[in-house]
Amino acid sequence: MCNSFGPFVKSIRKQIFISLLVLGVIIYFFIIQQRSTQITFEEALDEILSDQTIKKLMIADDKNENVVEIVDDKLVNELMKDSAHMVLKQVEDISIEPLYNITLYTKEYKIYALQVNETTVRIGRDFYTVRGNNIFLESIKRLTRKEPAIE
């Protein structure tokens, strides 16, 4: 009687092996697809700037009541360096209600627009959701914070 189940057990093992193999391939491609849509903040900026140097930043809140101009190269570089490794996931067009509108002016006289809120960053025409902490937004908030007058 044991021999009559032999082919059946081999068939079940083969089906399990093929099922696991197909599942593994599906999971692998899902992970690859997820990673291919992720990018760092620095990489996203490099795509639009193409090695141009930022000369000036204009940061405006959502109501344009608080506008800050940053022309100090050290401060601009620090802001970009702090946010460089922030992970973004590119998404299709989504509506964004920006907390801040940022305009980048390059030394080559080109202008680029960024928008940012807690969960989303728009760089040029591309939209990204932020994975983890939105370091760029935190830095912008620090830069635009109104300090009390010292008497």
C-alpha atoms as a PDB file:
ATOM      1  CA  MET A   1       0.000   0.000   0.000  1.00  0.00           C
ATOM      2  CA  CYS A   2       2.871   2.413   0.667  1.00  0.00           C
ATOM      3  CA  ASN A   3       3.977   2.232  -2.956  1.00  0.00           C
ATOM      4  CA  SER A   4       0.596   3.403  -4.229  1.00  0.00           C
ATOM      5  CA  PHE A   5       1.059   6.791  -2.510  1.00  0.00           C
ATOM      6  CA  GLY A   6       4.581   7.353  -3.874  1.00  0.00           C
ATOM      7  CA  PRO A   7       3.608   9.032  -7.169  1.00  0.00           C
ATOM      8  CA  PHE A   8       0.929  11.064  -5.391  1.00  0.00           C
ATOM      9  CA  VAL A   9       3.438  12.400  -2.807  1.00  0.00           C
ATOM     10  CA  LYS A  10       5.948  13.230  -5.573  1.00  0.00           C
ATOM     11  CA  SER A  11       3.223  15.088  -7.465  1.00  0.00           C
ATOM     12  CA  ILE A  12       2.269  17.094  -4.349  1.00  0.00           C
ATOM     13  CA  ARG A  13       5.942  17.938  -3.666  1.00  0.00           C
ATOM     14  CA  LYS A  14       6.395  19.060  -7.260  1.00  0.00           C
ATOM     15  CA  GLN A  15       3.286  21.282  -7.078  1.00  0.00           C
ATOM     16  CA  ILE A  16       4.436  22.796  -3.771  1.00  0.00           C
ATOM     17  CA  PHE A  17       7.910  23.454  -5.210  1.00  0.00           C
ATOM     18  CA  ILE A  18       6.497  25.120  -8.340  1.00  0.00           C
ATOM     19  CA  SER A  19       4.039  27.185  -6.249  1.00  0.00           C
ATOM     20  CA  LEU A  20       6.821  28.374  -3.937  1.00  0.00           C
ATOM     21  CA  LEU A  21       9.038  29.181  -6.917  1.00  0.00           C
ATOM     22  CA  VAL A  22       6.289  31.245  -8.588  1.00  0.00           C
ATOM     23  CA  LEU A  23       5.520  33.007  -5.282  1.00  0.00           C
ATOM     24  CA  GLY A  24       9.211  33.786  -4.811  1.00  0.00           C
ATOM     25  CA  VAL A  25       9.483  35.276  -8.302  1.00  0.00           C
ATOM     26  CA  ILE A  26       6.371  37.424  -7.711  1.00  0.00           C
ATOM     27  CA  ILE A  27       7.714  38.700  -4.385  1.00  0.00           C
ATOM     28  CA  TYR A  28      11.129  39.398  -5.944  1.00  0.00           C
ATOM     29  CA  PHE A  29       9.613  41.495  -8.749  1.00  0.00           C
ATOM     30  CA  PHE A  30       7.362  43.327  -6.272  1.00  0.00           C
ATOM     31  CA  ILE A  31      10.392  44.279  -4.166  1.00  0.00           C
ATOM     32  CA  ILE A  32      12.359  45.348  -7.262  1.00  0.00           C
ATOM     33  CA  GLN A  33       9.433  47.476  -8.459  1.00  0.00           C
ATOM     34  CA  GLN A  34       9.083  49.114  -5.029  1.00  0.00           C
ATOM     35  CA  ARG A  35      12.780  49.962  -4.887  1.00  0.00           C
ATOM     36  CA  SER A  36      12.840  51.287  -8.424  1.00  0.00           C
ATOM     37  CA  THR A  37      10.321  53.999  -7.529  1.00  0.00           C
ATOM     38  CA  GLN A  38      12.318  55.094  -4.468  1.00  0.00           C
ATOM     39  CA  ILE A  39      14.866  57.862  -4.720  1.00  0.00           C
ATOM     40  CA  THR A  40      16.733  60.103  -2.317  1.00  0.00           C
ATOM     41  CA  PHE A  41      15.998  63.813  -2.075  1.00  0.00           C
ATOM     42  CA  GLU A  42      19.471  64.539  -3.436  1.00  0.00           C
ATOM     43  CA  GLU A  43      18.942  62.287  -6.475  1.00  0.00           C
ATOM     44  CA  ALA A  44      15.557  63.895  -7.204  1.00  0.00           C
ATOM     45  CA  LEU A  45      17.101  67.377  -7.068  1.00  0.00           C
ATOM     46  CA  ASP A  46      20.032  66.298  -9.232  1.00  0.00           C
ATOM     47  CA  GLU A  47      17.565  65.152 -11.903  1.00  0.00           C
ATOM     48  CA  ILE A  48      16.271  68.709 -12.363  1.00  0.00           C
ATOM     49  CA  LEU A  49      19.397  70.690 -11.496  1.00  0.00           C
ATOM     50  CA  SER A  50      21.854  68.711 -13.658  1.00  0.00           C
ATOM     51  CA  ASP A  51      24.932  69.869 -11.711  1.00  0.00           C
ATOM     52  CA  GLN A  52      23.798  73.492 -11.555  1.00  0.00           C
ATOM     53  CA  THR A  53      24.660  75.346  -8.370  1.00  0.00           C
ATOM     54  CA  ILE A  54      21.914  76.893  -6.272  1.00  0.00           C
ATOM     55  CA  LYS A  55      22.483  80.623  -5.838  1.00  0.00           C
ATOM     56  CA  LYS A  56      19.401  81.596  -3.855  1.00  0.00           C
ATOM     57  CA  LEU A  57      16.338  80.108  -2.172  1.00  0.00           C
ATOM     58  CA  MET A  58      13.043  81.877  -1.685  1.00  0.00           C
ATOM     59  CA  ILE A  59      10.820  80.184   0.877  1.00  0.00           C
ATOM     60  CA  ALA A  60       7.202  81.252   1.270  1.00  0.00           C
ATOM     61  CA  ASP A  61       4.575  79.800   3.554  1.00  0.00           C
ATOM     62  CA  ASP A  62       1.257  78.673   2.123  1.00  0.00           C
ATOM     63  CA  LYS A  63      -0.277  82.142   2.552  1.00  0.00           C
ATOM     64  CA  ASN A  64       2.803  84.044   1.338  1.00  0.00           C
ATOM     65  CA  GLU A  65       2.809  85.925   4.638  1.00  0.00           C
ATOM     66  CA  ASN A  66       6.257  84.796   5.656  1.00  0.00           C
ATOM     67  CA  VAL A  67       8.827  84.934   2.864  1.00  0.00           C
ATOM     68  CA  VAL A  68      12.469  84.156   3.556  1.00  0.00           C
ATOM     69  CA  GLU A  69      15.310  84.714   1.100  1.00  0.00           C
ATOM     70  CA  ILE A  70      18.467  82.676   1.589  1.00  0.00           C
ATOM     71  CA  VAL A  71      21.552  83.691  -0.359  1.00  0.00           C
ATOM     72  CA  ASP A  72      24.231  82.362   1.988  1.00  0.00           C
ATOM     73  CA  ASP A  73      25.931  79.470   0.133  1.00  0.00           C
ATOM     74  CA  LYS A  74      26.812  77.750   3.402  1.00  0.00           C
ATOM     75  CA  LEU A  75      23.191  77.820   4.601  1.00  0.00           C
ATOM     76  CA  VAL A  76      21.843  76.613   1.237  1.00  0.00           C
ATOM     77  CA  ASN A  77      24.362  73.756   1.131  1.00  0.00           C
ATOM     78  CA  GLU A  78      23.601  72.821   4.740  1.00  0.00           C
ATOM     79  CA  LEU A  79      19.871  72.629   3.993  1.00  0.00           C
ATOM     80  CA  MET A  80      20.448  70.407   0.969  1.00  0.00           C
ATOM     81  CA  LYS A  81      23.023  68.260   2.776  1.00  0.00           C
ATOM     82  CA  ASP A  82      20.706  67.693   5.763  1.00  0.00           C
ATOM     83  CA  SER A  83      17.921  66.497   3.452  1.00  0.00           C
ATOM     84  CA  ALA A  84      20.102  64.612   0.941  1.00  0.00           C
ATOM     85  CA  HIS A  85      19.466  61.081   2.253  1.00  0.00           C
ATOM     86  CA  MET A  86      15.748  61.522   2.856  1.00  0.00           C
ATOM     87  CA  VAL A  87      13.996  58.678   0.998  1.00  0.00           C
ATOM     88  CA  LEU A  88      11.181  59.545  -1.381  1.00  0.00           C
ATOM     89  CA  LYS A  89       8.800  57.368  -3.348  1.00  0.00           C
ATOM     90  CA  GLN A  90       7.744  58.737  -6.702  1.00  0.00           C
ATOM     91  CA  VAL A  91       3.998  58.747  -7.236  1.00  0.00           C
ATOM     92  CA  GLU A  92       1.666  59.840  -9.989  1.00  0.00           C
ATOM     93  CA  ASP A  93       0.099  63.289  -9.894  1.00  0.00           C
ATOM     94  CA  ILE A  94      -1.518  63.847  -6.537  1.00  0.00           C
ATOM     95  CA  SER A  95      -2.976  66.941  -5.051  1.00  0.00           C
ATOM     96  CA  ILE A  96      -0.635  68.639  -2.641  1.00  0.00           C
ATOM     97  CA  GLU A  97      -1.593  71.339  -0.208  1.00  0.00           C
ATOM     98  CA  PRO A  98       1.817  72.871   0.336  1.00  0.00           C
ATOM     99  CA  LEU A  99       2.897  74.297   3.640  1.00  0.00           C
ATOM    100  CA  TYR A 100       5.841  75.911   1.885  1.00  0.00           C
ATOM    101  CA  ASN A 101       6.637  76.940  -1.678  1.00  0.00           C
ATOM    102  CA  ILE A 102      10.341  77.033  -2.386  1.00  0.00           C
ATOM    103  CA  THR A 103      11.898  78.649  -5.433  1.00  0.00           C
ATOM    104  CA  LEU A 104      15.467  77.670  -6.345  1.00  0.00           C
ATOM    105  CA  TYR A 105      17.546  80.134  -8.341  1.00  0.00           C
ATOM    106  CA  THR A 106      20.705  78.748  -9.917  1.00  0.00           C
ATOM    107  CA  LYS A 107      23.912  80.536 -10.845  1.00  0.00           C
ATOM    108  CA  GLU A 108      23.028  79.683 -14.448  1.00  0.00           C
ATOM    109  CA  TYR A 109      19.909  81.903 -14.121  1.00  0.00           C
ATOM    110  CA  LYS A 110      17.394  79.059 -14.090  1.00  0.00           C
ATOM    111  CA  ILE A 111      14.449  78.848 -11.703  1.00  0.00           C
ATOM    112  CA  TYR A 112      12.925  75.683 -10.216  1.00  0.00           C
ATOM    113  CA  ALA A 113       9.899  75.223  -7.961  1.00  0.00           C
ATOM    114  CA  LEU A 114       9.496  72.912  -4.989  1.00  0.00           C
ATOM    115  CA  GLN A 115       6.520  72.407  -2.721  1.00  0.00           C
ATOM    116  CA  VAL A 116       6.490  70.576   0.558  1.00  0.00           C
ATOM    117  CA  ASN A 117       4.085  69.485   3.274  1.00  0.00           C
ATOM    118  CA  GLU A 118       4.281  66.827   6.009  1.00  0.00           C
ATOM    119  CA  THR A 119       4.017  63.817   3.698  1.00  0.00           C
ATOM    120  CA  THR A 120       4.673  65.038   0.167  1.00  0.00           C
ATOM    121  CA  VAL A 121       7.354  66.834  -1.828  1.00  0.00           C
ATOM    122  CA  ARG A 122       6.923  68.186  -5.333  1.00  0.00           C
ATOM    123  CA  ILE A 123      10.162  68.774  -7.200  1.00  0.00           C
ATOM    124  CA  GLY A 124       9.559  70.379 -10.561  1.00  0.00           C
ATOM    125  CA  ARG A 125       6.822  68.293 -12.164  1.00  0.00           C
ATOM    126  CA  ASP A 126       7.449  65.155 -10.093  1.00  0.00           C
ATOM    127  CA  PHE A 127       5.551  64.196  -6.958  1.00  0.00           C
ATOM    128  CA  TYR A 128       7.020  62.151  -4.115  1.00  0.00           C
ATOM    129  CA  THR A 129       5.764  60.808  -0.818  1.00  0.00           C
ATOM    130  CA  VAL A 130       8.264  60.968   2.013  1.00  0.00           C
ATOM    131  CA  ARG A 131       9.428  57.702   3.575  1.00  0.00           C
ATOM    132  CA  GLY A 132      10.202  58.319   7.231  1.00  0.00           C
ATOM    133  CA  ASN A 133      10.912  61.764   8.656  1.00  0.00           C
ATOM    134  CA  ASN A 134      10.492  64.761   6.383  1.00  0.00           C
ATOM    135  CA  ILE A 135      13.877  66.286   7.177  1.00  0.00           C
ATOM    136  CA  PHE A 136      13.484  68.889   4.431  1.00  0.00           C
ATOM    137  CA  LEU A 137      10.252  70.227   5.970  1.00  0.00           C
ATOM    138  CA  GLU A 138      11.822  70.286   9.431  1.00  0.00           C
ATOM    139  CA  SER A 139      14.789  72.275   8.082  1.00  0.00           C
ATOM    140  CA  ILE A 140      12.495  74.713   6.262  1.00  0.00           C
ATOM    141  CA  LYS A 141      10.487  75.240   9.459  1.00  0.00           C
ATOM    142  CA  ARG A 142      13.700  75.978  11.367  1.00  0.00           C
ATOM    143  CA  LEU A 143      14.805  78.486   8.741  1.00  0.00           C
ATOM    144  CA  THR A 144      11.485  80.310   8.628  1.00  0.00           C
ATOM    145  CA  ARG A 145      10.806  80.349  12.356  1.00  0.00           C
ATOM    146  CA  LYS A 146      10.344  83.882  13.564  1.00  0.00           C
ATOM    147  CA  GLU A 147      12.739  84.591  16.373  1.00  0.00           C
ATOM    148  CA  PRO A 148      11.668  87.020  19.096  1.00  0.00           C
ATOM    149  CA  ALA A 149      13.437  90.379  19.020  1.00  0.00           C
ATOM    150  CA  ILE A 150      16.321  90.701  21.473  1.00  0.00           C
ATOM    151  CA  GLU A 151      16.205  93.827  23.567  1.00  0.00           C
END
